[in-house]
Amino acid sequence: MELKNVTLEEAKDGIEHNRLYFLYLYGTNCSVCHALLPQVEDVLKDFPQITQEKLNVHEIPEAAGAFSVFTIPVLLLYVNGKESIREARFVNIESFRSSLKRIVTLLD
């Protein structure tokens, strides 16, 4: 499933109104961002209970400040409105998968 692009307001709303909310922050000309995205989407297929969206910080620069982003890509998972996972730049996909699994299992 491809992640849906959202605005900063939609992302903030998603964090507030979803028990589990994942946000992928990326940039237009970021080769690492574009290489990592399909891997992240593949992992997220196993977690349909997580609301999953993405936001382009080059198109919405104020998002970088709102989420304290200094490098991209950034993977954020919020649980009940609180940041629970933050991975940036070079992400170990298997470590990310096991972190998601642990959190989702604890909440079941």
PDB file of N, CA and C in Angstrom:
ATOM      1  N   MET A   1       0.839  -1.182   0.000  1.00  0.00           N
ATOM      2  CA  MET A   1       0.000   0.000   0.000  1.00  0.00           C
ATOM      3  C   MET A   1       0.888   1.252   0.000  1.00  0.00           C
ATOM      4  N   GLU A   2       0.590   2.170  -0.866  1.00  0.00           N
ATOM      5  CA  GLU A   2       1.373   3.397  -0.946  1.00  0.00           C
ATOM      6  C   GLU A   2       0.900   4.385   0.112  1.00  0.00           C
ATOM      7  N   LEU A   3       1.857   5.020   0.780  1.00  0.00           N
ATOM      8  CA  LEU A   3       1.525   6.005   1.796  1.00  0.00           C
ATOM      9  C   LEU A   3       0.901   7.232   1.143  1.00  0.00           C
ATOM     10  N   LYS A   4      -0.084   7.804   1.810  1.00  0.00           N
ATOM     11  CA  LYS A   4      -0.787   8.987   1.316  1.00  0.00           C
ATOM     12  C   LYS A   4      -0.046  10.250   1.746  1.00  0.00           C
ATOM     13  N   ASN A   5       0.141  11.193   0.812  1.00  0.00           N
ATOM     14  CA  ASN A   5       0.739  12.485   1.144  1.00  0.00           C
ATOM     15  C   ASN A   5      -0.246  13.325   1.939  1.00  0.00           C
ATOM     16  N   VAL A   6       0.247  13.997   2.982  1.00  0.00           N
ATOM     17  CA  VAL A   6      -0.608  14.842   3.811  1.00  0.00           C
ATOM     18  C   VAL A   6       0.031  16.204   4.030  1.00  0.00           C
ATOM     19  N   THR A   7      -0.788  17.151   4.479  1.00  0.00           N
ATOM     20  CA  THR A   7      -0.301  18.473   4.868  1.00  0.00           C
ATOM     21  C   THR A   7       0.137  18.403   6.326  1.00  0.00           C
ATOM     22  N   LEU A   8       0.764  19.461   6.806  1.00  0.00           N
ATOM     23  CA  LEU A   8       1.178  19.529   8.208  1.00  0.00           C
ATOM     24  C   LEU A   8      -0.044  19.444   9.125  1.00  0.00           C
ATOM     25  N   GLU A   9      -1.113  20.126   8.763  1.00  0.00           N
ATOM     26  CA  GLU A   9      -2.335  20.099   9.573  1.00  0.00           C
ATOM     27  C   GLU A   9      -2.927  18.694   9.629  1.00  0.00           C
ATOM     28  N   GLU A  10      -2.946  18.018   8.482  1.00  0.00           N
ATOM     29  CA  GLU A  10      -3.476  16.646   8.443  1.00  0.00           C
ATOM     30  C   GLU A  10      -2.619  15.701   9.283  1.00  0.00           C
ATOM     31  N   ALA A  11      -1.306  15.898   9.252  1.00  0.00           N
ATOM     32  CA  ALA A  11      -0.410  15.058  10.058  1.00  0.00           C
ATOM     33  C   ALA A  11      -0.661  15.280  11.544  1.00  0.00           C
ATOM     34  N   LYS A  12      -0.776  16.532  11.944  1.00  0.00           N
ATOM     35  CA  LYS A  12      -1.046  16.835  13.367  1.00  0.00           C
ATOM     36  C   LYS A  12      -2.387  16.247  13.794  1.00  0.00           C
ATOM     37  N   ASP A  13      -3.369  16.344  12.908  1.00  0.00           N
ATOM     38  CA  ASP A  13      -4.689  15.774  13.174  1.00  0.00           C
ATOM     39  C   ASP A  13      -4.600  14.245  13.289  1.00  0.00           C
ATOM     40  N   GLY A  14      -3.813  13.628  12.410  1.00  0.00           N
ATOM     41  CA  GLY A  14      -3.624  12.178  12.438  1.00  0.00           C
ATOM     42  C   GLY A  14      -3.004  11.714  13.744  1.00  0.00           C
ATOM     43  N   ILE A  15      -2.013  12.458  14.230  1.00  0.00           N
ATOM     44  CA  ILE A  15      -1.362  12.122  15.500  1.00  0.00           C
ATOM     45  C   ILE A  15      -2.376  12.189  16.637  1.00  0.00           C
ATOM     46  N   GLU A  16      -3.188  13.229  16.596  1.00  0.00           N
ATOM     47  CA  GLU A  16      -4.150  13.474  17.670  1.00  0.00           C
ATOM     48  C   GLU A  16      -5.303  12.462  17.689  1.00  0.00           C
ATOM     49  N   HIS A  17      -5.748  12.012  16.520  1.00  0.00           N
ATOM     50  CA  HIS A  17      -6.970  11.218  16.446  1.00  0.00           C
ATOM     51  C   HIS A  17      -6.785   9.727  16.175  1.00  0.00           C
ATOM     52  N   ASN A  18      -5.539   9.257  16.102  1.00  0.00           N
ATOM     53  CA  ASN A  18      -5.305   7.836  15.852  1.00  0.00           C
ATOM     54  C   ASN A  18      -4.491   7.236  16.981  1.00  0.00           C
ATOM     55  N   ARG A  19      -4.880   6.048  17.398  1.00  0.00           N
ATOM     56  CA  ARG A  19      -4.131   5.360  18.458  1.00  0.00           C
ATOM     57  C   ARG A  19      -2.703   5.074  17.997  1.00  0.00           C
ATOM     58  N   LEU A  20      -2.578   4.599  16.752  1.00  0.00           N
ATOM     59  CA  LEU A  20      -1.272   4.325  16.149  1.00  0.00           C
ATOM     60  C   LEU A  20      -1.170   5.122  14.850  1.00  0.00           C
ATOM     61  N   TYR A  21      -0.165   5.995  14.767  1.00  0.00           N
ATOM     62  CA  TYR A  21      -0.019   6.861  13.601  1.00  0.00           C
ATOM     63  C   TYR A  21       1.443   6.886  13.166  1.00  0.00           C
ATOM     64  N   PHE A  22       1.682   6.542  11.897  1.00  0.00           N
ATOM     65  CA  PHE A  22       3.030   6.544  11.332  1.00  0.00           C
ATOM     66  C   PHE A  22       3.155   7.661  10.308  1.00  0.00           C
ATOM     67  N   LEU A  23       4.264   8.410  10.381  1.00  0.00           N
ATOM     68  CA  LEU A  23       4.514   9.486   9.433  1.00  0.00           C
ATOM     69  C   LEU A  23       5.924   9.351   8.879  1.00  0.00           C
ATOM     70  N   TYR A  24       6.023   9.360   7.548  1.00  0.00           N
ATOM     71  CA  TYR A  24       7.307   9.296   6.834  1.00  0.00           C
ATOM     72  C   TYR A  24       7.607  10.677   6.302  1.00  0.00           C
ATOM     73  N   LEU A  25       8.669  11.302   6.801  1.00  0.00           N
ATOM     74  CA  LEU A  25       9.066  12.628   6.347  1.00  0.00           C
ATOM     75  C   LEU A  25      10.187  12.464   5.323  1.00  0.00           C
ATOM     76  N   TYR A  26      10.014  13.075   4.152  1.00  0.00           N
ATOM     77  CA  TYR A  26      10.967  12.882   3.062  1.00  0.00           C
ATOM     78  C   TYR A  26      11.128  14.170   2.264  1.00  0.00           C
ATOM     79  N   GLY A  27      12.054  14.134   1.297  1.00  0.00           N
ATOM     80  CA  GLY A  27      12.281  15.295   0.447  1.00  0.00           C
ATOM     81  C   GLY A  27      12.179  14.932  -1.025  1.00  0.00           C
ATOM     82  N   THR A  28      11.932  15.930  -1.836  1.00  0.00           N
ATOM     83  CA  THR A  28      11.720  15.747  -3.274  1.00  0.00           C
ATOM     84  C   THR A  28      12.908  15.098  -3.974  1.00  0.00           C
ATOM     85  N   ASN A  29      14.104  15.626  -3.756  1.00  0.00           N
ATOM     86  CA  ASN A  29      15.290  15.131  -4.476  1.00  0.00           C
ATOM     87  C   ASN A  29      16.210  14.310  -3.584  1.00  0.00           C
ATOM     88  N   CYS A  30      15.642  13.650  -2.597  1.00  0.00           N
ATOM     89  CA  CYS A  30      16.424  12.864  -1.635  1.00  0.00           C
ATOM     90  C   CYS A  30      16.471  11.405  -2.106  1.00  0.00           C
ATOM     91  N   SER A  31      17.643  10.980  -2.590  1.00  0.00           N
ATOM     92  CA  SER A  31      17.749   9.608  -3.114  1.00  0.00           C
ATOM     93  C   SER A  31      17.566   8.560  -2.020  1.00  0.00           C
ATOM     94  N   VAL A  32      18.068   8.838  -0.817  1.00  0.00           N
ATOM     95  CA  VAL A  32      17.888   7.894   0.303  1.00  0.00           C
ATOM     96  C   VAL A  32      16.401   7.757   0.624  1.00  0.00           C
ATOM     97  N   CYS A  33      15.687   8.883   0.620  1.00  0.00           N
ATOM     98  CA  CYS A  33      14.239   8.885   0.907  1.00  0.00           C
ATOM     99  C   CYS A  33      13.488   7.987  -0.070  1.00  0.00           C
ATOM    100  N   HIS A  34      13.800   8.148  -1.353  1.00  0.00           N
ATOM    101  CA  HIS A  34      13.087   7.403  -2.388  1.00  0.00           C
ATOM    102  C   HIS A  34      13.473   5.930  -2.400  1.00  0.00           C
ATOM    103  N   ALA A  35      14.706   5.611  -2.000  1.00  0.00           N
ATOM    104  CA  ALA A  35      15.143   4.217  -1.931  1.00  0.00           C
ATOM    105  C   ALA A  35      14.528   3.504  -0.725  1.00  0.00           C
ATOM    106  N   LEU A  36      14.375   4.227   0.375  1.00  0.00           N
ATOM    107  CA  LEU A  36      13.864   3.628   1.613  1.00  0.00           C
ATOM    108  C   LEU A  36      12.349   3.451   1.611  1.00  0.00           C
ATOM    109  N   LEU A  37      11.636   4.356   0.952  1.00  0.00           N
ATOM    110  CA  LEU A  37      10.170   4.346   0.997  1.00  0.00           C
ATOM    111  C   LEU A  37       9.539   2.992   0.655  1.00  0.00           C
ATOM    112  N   PRO A  38       9.913   2.322  -0.456  1.00  0.00           N
ATOM    113  CA  PRO A  38       9.277   1.022  -0.753  1.00  0.00           C
ATOM    114  C   PRO A  38       9.534  -0.032   0.329  1.00  0.00           C
ATOM    115  N   GLN A  39      10.707   0.027   0.956  1.00  0.00           N
ATOM    116  CA  GLN A  39      11.011  -0.920   2.035  1.00  0.00           C
ATOM    117  C   GLN A  39      10.121  -0.658   3.251  1.00  0.00           C
ATOM    118  N   VAL A  40       9.933   0.615   3.571  1.00  0.00           N
ATOM    119  CA  VAL A  40       9.080   1.007   4.701  1.00  0.00           C
ATOM    120  C   VAL A  40       7.639   0.595   4.416  1.00  0.00           C
ATOM    121  N   GLU A  41       7.170   0.867   3.196  1.00  0.00           N
ATOM    122  CA  GLU A  41       5.795   0.497   2.829  1.00  0.00           C
ATOM    123  C   GLU A  41       5.609  -1.015   2.922  1.00  0.00           C
ATOM    124  N   ASP A  42       6.632  -1.773   2.552  1.00  0.00           N
ATOM    125  CA  ASP A  42       6.562  -3.228   2.629  1.00  0.00           C
ATOM    126  C   ASP A  42       6.409  -3.688   4.077  1.00  0.00           C
ATOM    127  N   VAL A  43       7.165  -3.102   4.989  1.00  0.00           N
ATOM    128  CA  VAL A  43       7.062  -3.441   6.415  1.00  0.00           C
ATOM    129  C   VAL A  43       5.668  -3.084   6.940  1.00  0.00           C
ATOM    130  N   LEU A  44       5.191  -1.895   6.564  1.00  0.00           N
ATOM    131  CA  LEU A  44       3.911  -1.409   7.083  1.00  0.00           C
ATOM    132  C   LEU A  44       2.716  -2.234   6.610  1.00  0.00           C
ATOM    133  N   LYS A  45       2.879  -2.995   5.521  1.00  0.00           N
ATOM    134  CA  LYS A  45       1.794  -3.874   5.044  1.00  0.00           C
ATOM    135  C   LYS A  45       1.362  -4.849   6.132  1.00  0.00           C
ATOM    136  N   ASP A  46       2.307  -5.227   6.992  1.00  0.00           N
ATOM    137  CA  ASP A  46       2.028  -6.180   8.068  1.00  0.00           C
ATOM    138  C   ASP A  46       1.330  -5.538   9.263  1.00  0.00           C
ATOM    139  N   PHE A  47       1.123  -4.227   9.213  1.00  0.00           N
ATOM    140  CA  PHE A  47       0.535  -3.512  10.346  1.00  0.00           C
ATOM    141  C   PHE A  47      -0.634  -2.629   9.897  1.00  0.00           C
ATOM    142  N   PRO A  48      -1.728  -3.252   9.450  1.00  0.00           N
ATOM    143  CA  PRO A  48      -2.858  -2.462   8.942  1.00  0.00           C
ATOM    144  C   PRO A  48      -3.535  -1.614  10.023  1.00  0.00           C
ATOM    145  N   GLN A  49      -3.294  -1.925  11.286  1.00  0.00           N
ATOM    146  CA  GLN A  49      -3.907  -1.161  12.381  1.00  0.00           C
ATOM    147  C   GLN A  49      -3.243   0.203  12.585  1.00  0.00           C
ATOM    148  N   ILE A  50      -2.121   0.442  11.896  1.00  0.00           N
ATOM    149  CA  ILE A  50      -1.412   1.718  12.003  1.00  0.00           C
ATOM    150  C   ILE A  50      -1.840   2.627  10.849  1.00  0.00           C
ATOM    151  N   THR A  51      -2.315   3.829  11.171  1.00  0.00           N
ATOM    152  CA  THR A  51      -2.597   4.831  10.143  1.00  0.00           C
ATOM    153  C   THR A  51      -1.245   5.277   9.585  1.00  0.00           C
ATOM    154  N   GLN A  52      -1.110   5.277   8.254  1.00  0.00           N
ATOM    155  CA  GLN A  52       0.186   5.464   7.615  1.00  0.00           C
ATOM    156  C   GLN A  52       0.133   6.588   6.584  1.00  0.00           C
ATOM    157  N   GLU A  53       0.987   7.610   6.792  1.00  0.00           N
ATOM    158  CA  GLU A  53       1.003   8.733   5.860  1.00  0.00           C
ATOM    159  C   GLU A  53       2.434   9.247   5.677  1.00  0.00           C
ATOM    160  N   LYS A  54       2.604  10.132   4.686  1.00  0.00           N
ATOM    161  CA  LYS A  54       3.923  10.723   4.431  1.00  0.00           C
ATOM    162  C   LYS A  54       3.772  12.217   4.185  1.00  0.00           C
ATOM    163  N   LEU A  55       4.886  12.942   4.398  1.00  0.00           N
ATOM    164  CA  LEU A  55       4.866  14.389   4.249  1.00  0.00           C
ATOM    165  C   LEU A  55       6.201  14.826   3.641  1.00  0.00           C
ATOM    166  N   ASN A  56       6.121  15.655   2.611  1.00  0.00           N
ATOM    167  CA  ASN A  56       7.315  16.146   1.917  1.00  0.00           C
ATOM    168  C   ASN A  56       7.766  17.449   2.578  1.00  0.00           C
ATOM    169  N   VAL A  57       8.927  17.411   3.270  1.00  0.00           N
ATOM    170  CA  VAL A  57       9.410  18.605   3.977  1.00  0.00           C
ATOM    171  C   VAL A  57       9.966  19.673   3.039  1.00  0.00           C
ATOM    172  N   HIS A  58      10.226  19.313   1.780  1.00  0.00           N
ATOM    173  CA  HIS A  58      10.654  20.336   0.815  1.00  0.00           C
ATOM    174  C   HIS A  58       9.451  21.154   0.345  1.00  0.00           C
ATOM    175  N   GLU A  59       8.294  20.501   0.250  1.00  0.00           N
ATOM    176  CA  GLU A  59       7.075  21.204  -0.155  1.00  0.00           C
ATOM    177  C   GLU A  59       6.445  21.942   1.026  1.00  0.00           C
ATOM    178  N   ILE A  60       6.662  21.420   2.243  1.00  0.00           N
ATOM    179  CA  ILE A  60       6.087  22.015   3.459  1.00  0.00           C
ATOM    180  C   ILE A  60       7.229  22.211   4.467  1.00  0.00           C
ATOM    181  N   PRO A  61       8.072  23.245   4.242  1.00  0.00           N
ATOM    182  CA  PRO A  61       9.271  23.417   5.069  1.00  0.00           C
ATOM    183  C   PRO A  61       8.994  23.604   6.559  1.00  0.00           C
ATOM    184  N   GLU A  62       7.829  24.167   6.898  1.00  0.00           N
ATOM    185  CA  GLU A  62       7.525  24.361   8.329  1.00  0.00           C
ATOM    186  C   GLU A  62       7.358  23.028   9.074  1.00  0.00           C
ATOM    187  N   ALA A  63       7.147  21.941   8.333  1.00  0.00           N
ATOM    188  CA  ALA A  63       7.033  20.616   8.955  1.00  0.00           C
ATOM    189  C   ALA A  63       8.349  20.193   9.601  1.00  0.00           C
ATOM    190  N   ALA A  64       9.474  20.607   9.015  1.00  0.00           N
ATOM    191  CA  ALA A  64      10.777  20.256   9.588  1.00  0.00           C
ATOM    192  C   ALA A  64      10.891  20.809  11.005  1.00  0.00           C
ATOM    193  N   GLY A  65      10.472  22.035  11.199  1.00  0.00           N
ATOM    194  CA  GLY A  65      10.492  22.634  12.533  1.00  0.00           C
ATOM    195  C   GLY A  65       9.474  21.996  13.464  1.00  0.00           C
ATOM    196  N   ALA A  66       8.295  21.741  12.927  1.00  0.00           N
ATOM    197  CA  ALA A  66       7.223  21.162  13.749  1.00  0.00           C
ATOM    198  C   ALA A  66       7.594  19.787  14.302  1.00  0.00           C
ATOM    199  N   PHE A  67       8.376  19.023  13.527  1.00  0.00           N
ATOM    200  CA  PHE A  67       8.747  17.674  13.958  1.00  0.00           C
ATOM    201  C   PHE A  67      10.228  17.563  14.355  1.00  0.00           C
ATOM    202  N   SER A  68      10.902  18.701  14.518  1.00  0.00           N
ATOM    203  CA  SER A  68      12.332  18.725  14.886  1.00  0.00           C
ATOM    204  C   SER A  68      13.167  17.827  13.981  1.00  0.00           C
ATOM    205  N   VAL A  69      13.048  18.060  12.681  1.00  0.00           N
ATOM    206  CA  VAL A  69      13.748  17.242  11.689  1.00  0.00           C
ATOM    207  C   VAL A  69      14.977  17.998  11.190  1.00  0.00           C
ATOM    208  N   PHE A  70      16.149  17.349  11.302  1.00  0.00           N
ATOM    209  CA  PHE A  70      17.397  17.964  10.860  1.00  0.00           C
ATOM    210  C   PHE A  70      17.997  17.232   9.666  1.00  0.00           C
ATOM    211  N   THR A  71      17.516  16.034   9.403  1.00  0.00           N
ATOM    212  CA  THR A  71      17.953  15.245   8.259  1.00  0.00           C
ATOM    213  C   THR A  71      16.761  14.417   7.794  1.00  0.00           C
ATOM    214  N   ILE A  72      16.781  13.997   6.545  1.00  0.00           N
ATOM    215  CA  ILE A  72      15.694  13.163   6.032  1.00  0.00           C
ATOM    216  C   ILE A  72      16.286  11.916   5.403  1.00  0.00           C
ATOM    217  N   PRO A  73      15.538  10.841   5.283  1.00  0.00           N
ATOM    218  CA  PRO A  73      14.166  10.656   5.743  1.00  0.00           C
ATOM    219  C   PRO A  73      14.087  10.446   7.255  1.00  0.00           C
ATOM    220  N   VAL A  74      12.877  10.667   7.790  1.00  0.00           N
ATOM    221  CA  VAL A  74      12.590  10.410   9.196  1.00  0.00           C
ATOM    222  C   VAL A  74      11.325   9.566   9.271  1.00  0.00           C
ATOM    223  N   LEU A  75      11.391   8.505  10.069  1.00  0.00           N
ATOM    224  CA  LEU A  75      10.244   7.628  10.310  1.00  0.00           C
ATOM    225  C   LEU A  75       9.771   7.900  11.725  1.00  0.00           C
ATOM    226  N   LEU A  76       8.501   8.265  11.866  1.00  0.00           N
ATOM    227  CA  LEU A  76       7.938   8.580  13.178  1.00  0.00           C
ATOM    228  C   LEU A  76       6.726   7.704  13.446  1.00  0.00           C
ATOM    229  N   LEU A  77       6.672   7.123  14.630  1.00  0.00           N
ATOM    230  CA  LEU A  77       5.471   6.389  15.049  1.00  0.00           C
ATOM    231  C   LEU A  77       4.965   7.025  16.330  1.00  0.00           C
ATOM    232  N   TYR A  78       3.689   7.364  16.317  1.00  0.00           N
ATOM    233  CA  TYR A  78       3.036   7.939  17.497  1.00  0.00           C
ATOM    234  C   TYR A  78       2.050   6.921  18.059  1.00  0.00           C
ATOM    235  N   VAL A  79       2.087   6.768  19.377  1.00  0.00           N
ATOM    236  CA  VAL A  79       1.146   5.902  20.074  1.00  0.00           C
ATOM    237  C   VAL A  79       0.362   6.799  21.025  1.00  0.00           C
ATOM    238  N   ASN A  80      -0.957   6.867  20.811  1.00  0.00           N
ATOM    239  CA  ASN A  80      -1.816   7.733  21.619  1.00  0.00           C
ATOM    240  C   ASN A  80      -1.261   9.164  21.709  1.00  0.00           C
ATOM    241  N   GLY A  81      -0.792   9.683  20.556  1.00  0.00           N
ATOM    242  CA  GLY A  81      -0.325  11.063  20.489  1.00  0.00           C
ATOM    243  C   GLY A  81       1.105  11.299  20.947  1.00  0.00           C
ATOM    244  N   LYS A  82       1.777  10.259  21.435  1.00  0.00           N
ATOM    245  CA  LYS A  82       3.156  10.399  21.913  1.00  0.00           C
ATOM    246  C   LYS A  82       4.124   9.716  20.951  1.00  0.00           C
ATOM    247  N   GLU A  83       5.234  10.404  20.650  1.00  0.00           N
ATOM    248  CA  GLU A  83       6.239   9.833  19.763  1.00  0.00           C
ATOM    249  C   GLU A  83       6.871   8.605  20.429  1.00  0.00           C
ATOM    250  N   SER A  84       6.826   7.466  19.736  1.00  0.00           N
ATOM    251  CA  SER A  84       7.357   6.215  20.290  1.00  0.00           C
ATOM    252  C   SER A  84       8.550   5.689  19.513  1.00  0.00           C
ATOM    253  N   ILE A  85       8.593   5.989  18.221  1.00  0.00           N
ATOM    254  CA  ILE A  85       9.730   5.579  17.389  1.00  0.00           C
ATOM    255  C   ILE A  85      10.150   6.777  16.554  1.00  0.00           C
ATOM    256  N   ARG A  86      11.458   7.000  16.498  1.00  0.00           N
ATOM    257  CA  ARG A  86      12.035   8.013  15.592  1.00  0.00           C
ATOM    258  C   ARG A  86      13.290   7.388  15.000  1.00  0.00           C
ATOM    259  N   GLU A  87      13.255   7.169  13.705  1.00  0.00           N
ATOM    260  CA  GLU A  87      14.418   6.657  12.972  1.00  0.00           C
ATOM    261  C   GLU A  87      14.729   7.682  11.897  1.00  0.00           C
ATOM    262  N   ALA A  88      16.017   7.931  11.668  1.00  0.00           N
ATOM    263  CA  ALA A  88      16.374   8.935  10.670  1.00  0.00           C
ATOM    264  C   ALA A  88      17.539   8.482   9.795  1.00  0.00           C
ATOM    265  N   ARG A  89      17.544   9.024   8.579  1.00  0.00           N
ATOM    266  CA  ARG A  89      18.581   8.851   7.560  1.00  0.00           C
ATOM    267  C   ARG A  89      18.792   7.394   7.171  1.00  0.00           C
ATOM    268  N   PHE A  90      19.747   6.720   7.786  1.00  0.00           N
ATOM    269  CA  PHE A  90      20.017   5.325   7.423  1.00  0.00           C
ATOM    270  C   PHE A  90      19.325   4.413   8.421  1.00  0.00           C
ATOM    271  N   VAL A  91      18.263   3.773   7.990  1.00  0.00           N
ATOM    272  CA  VAL A  91      17.388   3.002   8.870  1.00  0.00           C
ATOM    273  C   VAL A  91      17.616   1.509   8.668  1.00  0.00           C
ATOM    274  N   ASN A  92      17.758   0.796   9.786  1.00  0.00           N
ATOM    275  CA  ASN A  92      17.810  -0.663   9.724  1.00  0.00           C
ATOM    276  C   ASN A  92      16.363  -1.165   9.669  1.00  0.00           C
ATOM    277  N   ILE A  93      15.965  -1.668   8.507  1.00  0.00           N
ATOM    278  CA  ILE A  93      14.568  -2.053   8.280  1.00  0.00           C
ATOM    279  C   ILE A  93      14.120  -3.172   9.229  1.00  0.00           C
ATOM    280  N   GLU A  94      14.964  -4.146   9.476  1.00  0.00           N
ATOM    281  CA  GLU A  94      14.570  -5.249  10.375  1.00  0.00           C
ATOM    282  C   GLU A  94      14.410  -4.770  11.811  1.00  0.00           C
ATOM    283  N   SER A  95      15.243  -3.851  12.226  1.00  0.00           N
ATOM    284  CA  SER A  95      15.119  -3.259  13.562  1.00  0.00           C
ATOM    285  C   SER A  95      13.817  -2.454  13.652  1.00  0.00           C
ATOM    286  N   PHE A  96      13.497  -1.711  12.591  1.00  0.00           N
ATOM    287  CA  PHE A  96      12.249  -0.950  12.532  1.00  0.00           C
ATOM    288  C   PHE A  96      11.052  -1.898  12.610  1.00  0.00           C
ATOM    289  N   ARG A  97      11.106  -2.998  11.854  1.00  0.00           N
ATOM    290  CA  ARG A  97      10.034  -3.992  11.863  1.00  0.00           C
ATOM    291  C   ARG A  97       9.826  -4.566  13.270  1.00  0.00           C
ATOM    292  N   SER A  98      10.912  -4.928  13.944  1.00  0.00           N
ATOM    293  CA  SER A  98      10.765  -5.536  15.269  1.00  0.00           C
ATOM    294  C   SER A  98      10.269  -4.520  16.300  1.00  0.00           C
ATOM    295  N   SER A  99      10.649  -3.252  16.154  1.00  0.00           N
ATOM    296  CA  SER A  99      10.134  -2.204  17.051  1.00  0.00           C
ATOM    297  C   SER A  99       8.625  -2.038  16.872  1.00  0.00           C
ATOM    298  N   LEU A 100       8.172  -2.017  15.619  1.00  0.00           N
ATOM    299  CA  LEU A 100       6.727  -1.924  15.357  1.00  0.00           C
ATOM    300  C   LEU A 100       5.991  -3.121  15.939  1.00  0.00           C
ATOM    301  N   LYS A 101       6.547  -4.316  15.705  1.00  0.00           N
ATOM    302  CA  LYS A 101       5.909  -5.534  16.190  1.00  0.00           C
ATOM    303  C   LYS A 101       5.776  -5.516  17.709  1.00  0.00           C
ATOM    304  N   ARG A 102       6.832  -5.083  18.402  1.00  0.00           N
ATOM    305  CA  ARG A 102       6.825  -5.023  19.864  1.00  0.00           C
ATOM    306  C   ARG A 102       5.721  -4.077  20.358  1.00  0.00           C
ATOM    307  N   ILE A 103       5.650  -2.888  19.774  1.00  0.00           N
ATOM    308  CA  ILE A 103       4.649  -1.907  20.194  1.00  0.00           C
ATOM    309  C   ILE A 103       3.231  -2.388  19.934  1.00  0.00           C
ATOM    310  N   VAL A 104       3.000  -2.913  18.723  1.00  0.00           N
ATOM    311  CA  VAL A 104       1.657  -3.376  18.354  1.00  0.00           C
ATOM    312  C   VAL A 104       1.238  -4.549  19.242  1.00  0.00           C
ATOM    313  N   THR A 105       2.171  -5.446  19.551  1.00  0.00           N
ATOM    314  CA  THR A 105       1.877  -6.586  20.417  1.00  0.00           C
ATOM    315  C   THR A 105       1.508  -6.124  21.819  1.00  0.00           C
ATOM    316  N   LEU A 106       2.222  -5.136  22.341  1.00  0.00           N
ATOM    317  CA  LEU A 106       1.928  -4.613  23.673  1.00  0.00           C
ATOM    318  C   LEU A 106       0.546  -3.979  23.746  1.00  0.00           C
ATOM    319  N   LEU A 107       0.092  -3.398  22.642  1.00  0.00           N
ATOM    320  CA  LEU A 107      -1.198  -2.707  22.634  1.00  0.00           C
ATOM    321  C   LEU A 107      -2.383  -3.643  22.376  1.00  0.00           C
ATOM    322  N   ASP A 108      -2.108  -4.846  21.886  1.00  0.00           N
ATOM    323  CA  ASP A 108      -3.208  -5.788  21.583  1.00  0.00           C
ATOM    324  C   ASP A 108      -3.843  -6.354  22.826  1.00  0.00           C
TER     325      ASP A 108
END
